[in-house]
């Protein structure tokens, strides 16, 4: 009984492990030219499925992902370079379609703003806590003498 459970769980684990390897590309989408198909697959791995959002269009079964795969292949057959295909897709769907966004000032500001806000907040807290400390009044001559007497005893 225990061995049967172990084998069943191992098979299930292996099936789940290799489930991500299944590609959603349909046979009717595959290009006849293996070079163009390899380029299409490489480009598809870098494009996000707008429906699934955490999968590339190469892995997704969504209709929009299929449309994007077909569009990539059409642009490659038309003679576009990889960069031209990516630029066309980005111009049409926005930069969110890229799984690895391009480095730009806009993206740097997007990622850097929370860090800058945290630093500004820390500086504000530090400066405001220093300015709130009440100034301790100076000791009178009588109090200073009493303190000196206590310390010397």
Protein backbone atom coordinates (compact mmCIF):
# COMPACT_ATOMS: atom_id res chain seq x y z
CA UNK A 1 0.00 0.00 0.00
CA UNK A 2 2.76 2.39 0.98
CA UNK A 3 4.79 1.59 -2.15
CA UNK A 4 1.75 2.10 -4.39
CA UNK A 5 1.19 5.52 -2.81
CA UNK A 6 4.86 6.45 -3.30
CA UNK A 7 4.84 5.43 -6.95
CA UNK A 8 1.59 7.28 -7.61
CA UNK A 9 2.88 10.42 -5.93
CA UNK A 10 6.16 10.18 -7.87
CA UNK A 11 4.28 9.87 -11.17
CA UNK A 12 2.07 12.83 -10.25
CA UNK A 13 5.10 14.89 -9.27
CA UNK A 14 6.86 14.10 -12.55
CA UNK A 15 3.72 14.93 -14.53
CA UNK A 16 3.46 18.30 -12.80
CA UNK A 17 7.17 18.95 -13.28
CA UNK A 18 7.05 18.34 -17.01
CA UNK A 19 3.66 19.98 -17.58
CA UNK A 20 5.32 23.36 -18.12
CA UNK A 21 7.39 21.92 -20.93
CA UNK A 22 4.31 21.41 -23.09
CA UNK A 23 4.13 24.11 -25.71
CA UNK A 24 0.89 25.70 -26.82
CA UNK A 25 2.04 26.20 -30.41
CA UNK A 26 -0.37 24.39 -32.71
CA UNK A 27 0.91 22.42 -35.70
CA UNK A 28 -0.88 24.75 -38.13
CA UNK A 29 1.13 27.70 -36.75
CA UNK A 30 4.56 26.12 -37.30
CA UNK A 31 6.52 27.60 -40.21
CA UNK A 32 7.98 25.34 -42.89
CA UNK A 33 11.37 27.07 -42.69
CA UNK A 34 13.16 25.77 -39.56
CA UNK A 35 15.29 28.92 -39.28
CA UNK A 36 12.25 31.20 -39.27
CA UNK A 37 10.47 28.87 -36.85
CA UNK A 38 13.44 28.98 -34.46
CA UNK A 39 13.42 32.79 -34.64
CA UNK A 40 9.66 32.83 -34.04
CA UNK A 41 10.04 30.58 -30.99
CA UNK A 42 12.84 32.75 -29.60
CA UNK A 43 10.73 35.88 -30.03
CA UNK A 44 7.62 34.20 -28.59
CA UNK A 45 9.49 33.28 -25.41
CA UNK A 46 10.06 36.98 -24.72
CA UNK A 47 6.47 38.08 -25.23
CA UNK A 48 3.91 38.00 -22.40
CA UNK A 49 0.46 36.57 -22.84
CA UNK A 50 -1.81 39.50 -22.05
CA UNK A 51 -4.47 37.13 -20.70
CA UNK A 52 -2.29 34.85 -18.55
CA UNK A 53 0.30 37.55 -17.74
CA UNK A 54 2.87 35.16 -16.26
CA UNK A 55 3.34 33.00 -19.31
CA UNK A 56 4.99 33.62 -22.61
CA UNK A 57 2.78 33.46 -25.68
CA UNK A 58 4.66 30.28 -26.59
CA UNK A 59 3.30 28.55 -23.45
CA UNK A 60 -0.21 29.98 -23.40
CA UNK A 61 -3.35 28.46 -24.88
CA UNK A 62 -5.25 31.77 -24.86
CA UNK A 63 -6.69 33.05 -28.13
CA UNK A 64 -4.79 36.32 -27.85
CA UNK A 65 -1.53 34.42 -27.40
CA UNK A 66 -2.31 32.42 -30.54
CA UNK A 67 -3.00 35.65 -32.44
CA UNK A 68 0.32 37.07 -31.28
CA UNK A 69 2.19 33.90 -32.31
CA UNK A 70 0.61 34.09 -35.75
CA UNK A 71 1.42 37.80 -36.00
CA UNK A 72 5.07 37.18 -35.10
CA UNK A 73 5.30 34.49 -37.78
CA UNK A 74 3.60 36.71 -40.37
CA UNK A 75 6.08 39.52 -39.70
CA UNK A 76 9.03 37.13 -39.98
CA UNK A 77 7.75 35.70 -43.27
CA UNK A 78 7.33 39.29 -44.51
CA UNK A 79 11.07 39.77 -43.95
CA UNK A 80 11.17 41.78 -40.72
CA UNK A 81 14.19 41.48 -38.46
CA UNK A 82 13.73 40.30 -34.88
CA UNK A 83 14.03 43.89 -33.64
CA UNK A 84 11.43 45.12 -36.13
CA UNK A 85 9.01 42.39 -35.04
CA UNK A 86 9.48 43.28 -31.36
CA UNK A 87 9.12 47.00 -32.10
CA UNK A 88 5.91 46.35 -34.03
CA UNK A 89 4.41 44.23 -31.24
CA UNK A 90 5.39 46.80 -28.59
CA UNK A 91 3.98 49.67 -30.64
CA UNK A 92 0.71 47.78 -30.97
CA UNK A 93 0.31 46.33 -27.45
CA UNK A 94 2.57 48.48 -25.26
CA UNK A 95 5.72 47.63 -23.37
CA UNK A 96 3.81 45.45 -20.91
CA UNK A 97 3.80 42.72 -23.56
CA UNK A 98 7.54 42.20 -23.00
CA UNK A 99 8.43 39.64 -20.33
CA UNK A 100 11.76 41.44 -19.86
CA UNK A 101 11.07 45.16 -20.28
CA UNK A 102 13.63 47.30 -22.05
CA UNK A 103 15.76 49.64 -19.96
CA UNK A 104 14.56 53.21 -20.31
CA UNK A 105 14.33 56.33 -18.18
CA UNK A 106 10.63 55.68 -17.67
CA UNK A 107 11.26 52.16 -16.35
CA UNK A 108 14.13 53.36 -14.18
CA UNK A 109 11.81 55.96 -12.62
CA UNK A 110 9.11 53.34 -12.19
CA UNK A 111 11.44 50.99 -10.31
CA UNK A 112 13.46 53.70 -8.54
CA UNK A 113 10.60 55.83 -7.20
CA UNK A 114 9.71 53.51 -4.27
CA UNK A 115 13.35 53.44 -3.18
CA UNK A 116 13.57 57.24 -3.41
CA UNK A 117 10.33 57.61 -1.44
CA UNK A 118 11.61 55.30 1.31
CA UNK A 119 14.88 57.23 1.52
CA UNK A 120 13.05 60.56 1.61
CA UNK A 121 10.72 59.23 4.33
CA UNK A 122 13.69 58.01 6.38
CA UNK A 123 15.42 61.38 6.10
CA UNK A 124 12.18 63.16 7.05
CA UNK A 125 11.69 60.94 10.11
CA UNK A 126 15.32 61.39 11.16
CA UNK A 127 15.21 65.18 10.81
CA UNK A 128 11.81 65.55 12.48
CA UNK A 129 12.85 63.39 15.44
CA UNK A 130 15.95 65.53 15.97
CA UNK A 131 13.99 68.78 15.91
CA UNK A 132 11.44 67.54 18.50
CA UNK A 133 13.96 66.90 21.29
CA UNK A 134 13.22 69.35 24.06
CA UNK A 135 16.18 71.44 25.05
CA UNK A 136 17.20 70.65 28.61
CA UNK A 137 17.51 73.80 30.71
CA UNK A 138 20.95 74.59 32.12
CA UNK A 139 21.51 73.83 35.81
CA UNK A 140 21.51 76.72 38.19
CA UNK A 141 24.63 77.29 40.30
CA UNK A 142 22.87 75.77 43.31
CA UNK A 143 21.86 72.61 41.38
CA UNK A 144 25.36 72.27 39.90
CA UNK A 145 26.91 72.46 43.36
CA UNK A 146 24.49 69.82 44.69
CA UNK A 147 25.30 67.56 41.74
CA UNK A 148 29.02 67.99 42.22
CA UNK A 149 28.63 67.16 45.90
CA UNK A 150 26.68 63.96 45.09
CA UNK A 151 29.22 62.86 42.54
CA UNK A 152 32.19 63.47 44.80
CA UNK A 153 30.72 61.41 47.70
